[in-house]
């Protein structure tokens, strides 16, 4: 299985007026524009997804929707509370393993520091590995058998700037 980890794009600043909670913060116009280009770069890389799981927080959902539209996968987009900043990695992994039909390529869209800690957990077995996934950054994990703990190899990690240079 391949897990692709994508951090949401540039969003309205935390505490900006007009947004009742952190989960209501949308992507900025620049964030949306960059995400369309990042999704195009992902397509250039010939990536393919059996499922897209996303945090329901607006900025992550908008990010996932842009990718889903680019890849014509709107029907494979699934909201997951386990990808919110306070989500449960164990429950997320259970959700992934229960996907039907069995997924070989899964895109996870969420937030930092949660995603960095998830990558650390799956590659090293603990969350102390320092990994900073930039907004719009993407990484690929190769997994033999998905489980809570060390089970993955970090195949690659690219910044949004690197992705944008691909198109």
C-alpha atoms as a PDB file:
ATOM      1  CA  UNK A   1       0.000   0.000   0.000  1.00  0.00           C
ATOM      2  CA  UNK A   2       1.075   3.555  -0.663  1.00  0.00           C
ATOM      3  CA  UNK A   3       0.010   6.339   1.654  1.00  0.00           C
ATOM      4  CA  UNK A   4       0.297   9.853   0.290  1.00  0.00           C
ATOM      5  CA  UNK A   5       0.229  12.584   2.921  1.00  0.00           C
ATOM      6  CA  UNK A   6      -0.786  16.091   1.812  1.00  0.00           C
ATOM      7  CA  UNK A   7      -0.943  19.103   4.096  1.00  0.00           C
ATOM      8  CA  UNK A   8      -3.682  21.609   3.351  1.00  0.00           C
ATOM      9  CA  UNK A   9      -2.815  24.737   1.382  1.00  0.00           C
ATOM     10  CA  UNK A  10      -2.370  28.334   2.512  1.00  0.00           C
ATOM     11  CA  UNK A  11      -5.322  29.341   4.691  1.00  0.00           C
ATOM     12  CA  UNK A  12      -6.741  32.424   6.336  1.00  0.00           C
ATOM     13  CA  UNK A  13      -4.700  33.282   9.439  1.00  0.00           C
ATOM     14  CA  UNK A  14      -5.744  31.847  12.787  1.00  0.00           C
ATOM     15  CA  UNK A  15      -7.820  34.363  14.723  1.00  0.00           C
ATOM     16  CA  UNK A  16      -8.810  36.321  11.606  1.00  0.00           C
ATOM     17  CA  UNK A  17     -12.107  38.168  12.063  1.00  0.00           C
ATOM     18  CA  UNK A  18     -15.215  36.526  10.631  1.00  0.00           C
ATOM     19  CA  UNK A  19     -14.333  32.925  11.429  1.00  0.00           C
ATOM     20  CA  UNK A  20     -15.956  31.474  14.554  1.00  0.00           C
ATOM     21  CA  UNK A  21     -13.523  28.619  14.988  1.00  0.00           C
ATOM     22  CA  UNK A  22     -10.245  27.305  13.670  1.00  0.00           C
ATOM     23  CA  UNK A  23     -12.096  24.619  11.698  1.00  0.00           C
ATOM     24  CA  UNK A  24     -13.930  27.327   9.691  1.00  0.00           C
ATOM     25  CA  UNK A  25     -10.777  28.872   8.220  1.00  0.00           C
ATOM     26  CA  UNK A  26     -10.802  28.504   4.402  1.00  0.00           C
ATOM     27  CA  UNK A  27      -7.979  28.488   1.897  1.00  0.00           C
ATOM     28  CA  UNK A  28      -6.939  31.919   0.711  1.00  0.00           C
ATOM     29  CA  UNK A  29      -7.284  32.831  -2.961  1.00  0.00           C
ATOM     30  CA  UNK A  30      -3.514  32.306  -3.307  1.00  0.00           C
ATOM     31  CA  UNK A  31      -3.827  28.993  -1.455  1.00  0.00           C
ATOM     32  CA  UNK A  32      -6.502  27.753  -3.882  1.00  0.00           C
ATOM     33  CA  UNK A  33      -4.494  28.882  -6.901  1.00  0.00           C
ATOM     34  CA  UNK A  34      -1.356  27.115  -5.653  1.00  0.00           C
ATOM     35  CA  UNK A  35      -3.335  23.953  -4.827  1.00  0.00           C
ATOM     36  CA  UNK A  36      -4.685  23.728  -8.375  1.00  0.00           C
ATOM     37  CA  UNK A  37      -1.093  23.854  -9.611  1.00  0.00           C
ATOM     38  CA  UNK A  38       0.074  21.348  -6.975  1.00  0.00           C
ATOM     39  CA  UNK A  39      -2.730  18.988  -8.029  1.00  0.00           C
ATOM     40  CA  UNK A  40      -1.578  19.410 -11.641  1.00  0.00           C
ATOM     41  CA  UNK A  41       1.959  18.481 -10.550  1.00  0.00           C
ATOM     42  CA  UNK A  42       0.593  15.423  -8.739  1.00  0.00           C
ATOM     43  CA  UNK A  43      -1.117  14.436 -11.992  1.00  0.00           C
ATOM     44  CA  UNK A  44       2.193  14.974 -13.844  1.00  0.00           C
ATOM     45  CA  UNK A  45       3.748  12.491 -11.410  1.00  0.00           C
ATOM     46  CA  UNK A  46       1.071  10.024 -12.600  1.00  0.00           C
ATOM     47  CA  UNK A  47      -0.198   9.456  -9.076  1.00  0.00           C
ATOM     48  CA  UNK A  48      -3.417   7.516  -8.673  1.00  0.00           C
ATOM     49  CA  UNK A  49      -5.646   7.193  -5.615  1.00  0.00           C
ATOM     50  CA  UNK A  50      -8.199   4.568  -4.633  1.00  0.00           C
ATOM     51  CA  UNK A  51      -9.453   6.821  -1.844  1.00  0.00           C
ATOM     52  CA  UNK A  52      -8.964  10.328  -0.499  1.00  0.00           C
ATOM     53  CA  UNK A  53      -9.489  10.778   3.239  1.00  0.00           C
ATOM     54  CA  UNK A  54      -9.613  14.323   4.546  1.00  0.00           C
ATOM     55  CA  UNK A  55     -10.042  16.263   7.721  1.00  0.00           C
ATOM     56  CA  UNK A  56     -13.465  17.948   7.720  1.00  0.00           C
ATOM     57  CA  UNK A  57     -11.867  21.288   8.641  1.00  0.00           C
ATOM     58  CA  UNK A  58     -12.666  23.641   5.767  1.00  0.00           C
ATOM     59  CA  UNK A  59      -9.108  24.337   4.572  1.00  0.00           C
ATOM     60  CA  UNK A  60      -8.299  20.612   4.373  1.00  0.00           C
ATOM     61  CA  UNK A  61     -11.633  19.777   2.766  1.00  0.00           C
ATOM     62  CA  UNK A  62     -11.103  22.455   0.118  1.00  0.00           C
ATOM     63  CA  UNK A  63      -7.612  21.072  -0.530  1.00  0.00           C
ATOM     64  CA  UNK A  64      -8.962  17.530  -0.911  1.00  0.00           C
ATOM     65  CA  UNK A  65     -11.780  18.709  -3.186  1.00  0.00           C
ATOM     66  CA  UNK A  66      -9.290  20.382  -5.543  1.00  0.00           C
ATOM     67  CA  UNK A  67      -7.260  17.165  -5.781  1.00  0.00           C
ATOM     68  CA  UNK A  68     -10.415  15.048  -6.138  1.00  0.00           C
ATOM     69  CA  UNK A  69     -11.651  17.250  -8.984  1.00  0.00           C
ATOM     70  CA  UNK A  70      -8.282  17.157 -10.740  1.00  0.00           C
ATOM     71  CA  UNK A  71      -8.188  13.363 -10.544  1.00  0.00           C
ATOM     72  CA  UNK A  72     -11.956  12.929 -11.161  1.00  0.00           C
ATOM     73  CA  UNK A  73     -12.311  11.192  -7.783  1.00  0.00           C
ATOM     74  CA  UNK A  74     -15.097  13.175  -6.087  1.00  0.00           C
ATOM     75  CA  UNK A  75     -16.941   9.930  -5.276  1.00  0.00           C
ATOM     76  CA  UNK A  76     -13.854   8.582  -3.492  1.00  0.00           C
ATOM     77  CA  UNK A  77     -13.569  11.531  -1.100  1.00  0.00           C
ATOM     78  CA  UNK A  78     -14.217  10.554   2.537  1.00  0.00           C
ATOM     79  CA  UNK A  79     -14.342  12.856   5.570  1.00  0.00           C
ATOM     80  CA  UNK A  80     -12.429  11.596   8.593  1.00  0.00           C
ATOM     81  CA  UNK A  81     -12.507  13.154  12.046  1.00  0.00           C
ATOM     82  CA  UNK A  82      -9.363  11.089  12.665  1.00  0.00           C
ATOM     83  CA  UNK A  83      -7.422  13.547  10.450  1.00  0.00           C
ATOM     84  CA  UNK A  84      -8.271  16.639  12.506  1.00  0.00           C
ATOM     85  CA  UNK A  85      -5.513  18.152  14.660  1.00  0.00           C
ATOM     86  CA  UNK A  86      -6.880  16.212  17.675  1.00  0.00           C
ATOM     87  CA  UNK A  87      -7.650  13.030  15.718  1.00  0.00           C
ATOM     88  CA  UNK A  88      -6.645   9.510  16.671  1.00  0.00           C
ATOM     89  CA  UNK A  89      -3.902   7.944  14.515  1.00  0.00           C
ATOM     90  CA  UNK A  90      -4.938   4.475  15.693  1.00  0.00           C
ATOM     91  CA  UNK A  91      -8.544   5.068  14.609  1.00  0.00           C
ATOM     92  CA  UNK A  92      -7.357   6.548  11.296  1.00  0.00           C
ATOM     93  CA  UNK A  93      -5.317   3.431  10.542  1.00  0.00           C
ATOM     94  CA  UNK A  94      -8.330   1.243  11.371  1.00  0.00           C
ATOM     95  CA  UNK A  95     -10.466   3.338   9.017  1.00  0.00           C
ATOM     96  CA  UNK A  96      -7.925   2.921   6.203  1.00  0.00           C
ATOM     97  CA  UNK A  97      -7.695  -0.857   6.653  1.00  0.00           C
ATOM     98  CA  UNK A  98     -11.508  -1.121   6.495  1.00  0.00           C
ATOM     99  CA  UNK A  99     -11.797   0.665   3.142  1.00  0.00           C
ATOM    100  CA  UNK A 100     -13.700  -1.390   0.591  1.00  0.00           C
ATOM    101  CA  UNK A 101     -12.542  -2.366  -1.901  1.00  0.00           C
ATOM    102  CA  UNK A 102      -9.087  -2.689  -0.377  1.00  0.00           C
ATOM    103  CA  UNK A 103      -7.127   0.426  -1.248  1.00  0.00           C
ATOM    104  CA  UNK A 104      -3.613   0.314  -2.663  1.00  0.00           C
ATOM    105  CA  UNK A 105      -3.089   4.079  -2.935  1.00  0.00           C
ATOM    106  CA  UNK A 106      -4.620   6.374  -0.318  1.00  0.00           C
ATOM    107  CA  UNK A 107      -4.284  10.145  -0.073  1.00  0.00           C
ATOM    108  CA  UNK A 108      -4.591  11.643   3.421  1.00  0.00           C
ATOM    109  CA  UNK A 109      -5.229  15.392   3.689  1.00  0.00           C
ATOM    110  CA  UNK A 110      -4.836  17.144   7.016  1.00  0.00           C
ATOM    111  CA  UNK A 111      -2.863  19.406   9.311  1.00  0.00           C
ATOM    112  CA  UNK A 112       0.454  19.847  11.060  1.00  0.00           C
ATOM    113  CA  UNK A 113       1.776  18.798  13.485  1.00  0.00           C
ATOM    114  CA  UNK A 114      -0.584  15.786  13.269  1.00  0.00           C
ATOM    115  CA  UNK A 115       0.586  14.644   9.816  1.00  0.00           C
ATOM    116  CA  UNK A 116       4.282  14.924  10.679  1.00  0.00           C
ATOM    117  CA  UNK A 117       3.728  12.881  13.816  1.00  0.00           C
ATOM    118  CA  UNK A 118       1.775  10.297  11.811  1.00  0.00           C
ATOM    119  CA  UNK A 119       4.667   9.937   9.353  1.00  0.00           C
ATOM    120  CA  UNK A 120       7.091   9.645  12.288  1.00  0.00           C
ATOM    121  CA  UNK A 121       4.942   6.991  13.972  1.00  0.00           C
ATOM    122  CA  UNK A 122       4.639   4.876  10.828  1.00  0.00           C
ATOM    123  CA  UNK A 123       8.324   5.138   9.899  1.00  0.00           C
ATOM    124  CA  UNK A 124      10.056   5.055  13.285  1.00  0.00           C
ATOM    125  CA  UNK A 125       7.507   3.861  15.835  1.00  0.00           C
ATOM    126  CA  UNK A 126       7.428   7.098  17.817  1.00  0.00           C
ATOM    127  CA  UNK A 127       6.389  10.699  17.237  1.00  0.00           C
ATOM    128  CA  UNK A 128       9.674  12.358  18.219  1.00  0.00           C
ATOM    129  CA  UNK A 129      11.073  12.507  14.688  1.00  0.00           C
ATOM    130  CA  UNK A 130      11.161  16.137  13.561  1.00  0.00           C
ATOM    131  CA  UNK A 131       9.283  16.432  10.280  1.00  0.00           C
ATOM    132  CA  UNK A 132       7.709  19.662   9.078  1.00  0.00           C
ATOM    133  CA  UNK A 133       5.333  19.180   6.180  1.00  0.00           C
ATOM    134  CA  UNK A 134       4.923  22.573   4.484  1.00  0.00           C
ATOM    135  CA  UNK A 135       1.456  23.817   3.476  1.00  0.00           C
ATOM    136  CA  UNK A 136       0.805  22.032   0.203  1.00  0.00           C
ATOM    137  CA  UNK A 137       3.713  19.637   0.840  1.00  0.00           C
ATOM    138  CA  UNK A 138       3.357  15.968  -0.075  1.00  0.00           C
ATOM    139  CA  UNK A 139       5.057  12.767   0.970  1.00  0.00           C
ATOM    140  CA  UNK A 140       4.784   9.125   0.000  1.00  0.00           C
ATOM    141  CA  UNK A 141       4.991   6.236   2.438  1.00  0.00           C
ATOM    142  CA  UNK A 142       5.359   2.662   1.225  1.00  0.00           C
ATOM    143  CA  UNK A 143       3.663   0.208   3.574  1.00  0.00           C
ATOM    144  CA  UNK A 144       3.786  -3.600   3.619  1.00  0.00           C
ATOM    145  CA  UNK A 145       1.171  -4.149   6.325  1.00  0.00           C
ATOM    146  CA  UNK A 146      -0.490  -1.078   7.794  1.00  0.00           C
ATOM    147  CA  UNK A 147      -0.445  -1.081  11.594  1.00  0.00           C
ATOM    148  CA  UNK A 148       0.066   1.264  14.515  1.00  0.00           C
ATOM    149  CA  UNK A 149       3.834   1.606  14.833  1.00  0.00           C
ATOM    150  CA  UNK A 150       6.773   1.230  12.468  1.00  0.00           C
ATOM    151  CA  UNK A 151       5.454  -0.260   9.238  1.00  0.00           C
ATOM    152  CA  UNK A 152       6.365   2.225   6.500  1.00  0.00           C
ATOM    153  CA  UNK A 153       9.290   3.526   4.520  1.00  0.00           C
ATOM    154  CA  UNK A 154       9.457   7.178   3.553  1.00  0.00           C
ATOM    155  CA  UNK A 155       9.796   6.974  -0.235  1.00  0.00           C
ATOM    156  CA  UNK A 156       9.885  10.741  -0.812  1.00  0.00           C
ATOM    157  CA  UNK A 157       8.940  14.114   0.600  1.00  0.00           C
ATOM    158  CA  UNK A 158       8.470  17.175  -1.607  1.00  0.00           C
ATOM    159  CA  UNK A 159       7.807  20.781  -0.756  1.00  0.00           C
ATOM    160  CA  UNK A 160       5.148  22.793  -2.552  1.00  0.00           C
ATOM    161  CA  UNK A 161       7.903  24.737  -4.325  1.00  0.00           C
ATOM    162  CA  UNK A 162       9.363  21.505  -5.690  1.00  0.00           C
ATOM    163  CA  UNK A 163       5.926  20.368  -6.852  1.00  0.00           C
ATOM    164  CA  UNK A 164       5.340  23.670  -8.621  1.00  0.00           C
ATOM    165  CA  UNK A 165       8.639  23.301 -10.499  1.00  0.00           C
ATOM    166  CA  UNK A 166       7.327  20.054 -12.021  1.00  0.00           C
ATOM    167  CA  UNK A 167       4.712  21.752 -14.174  1.00  0.00           C
END
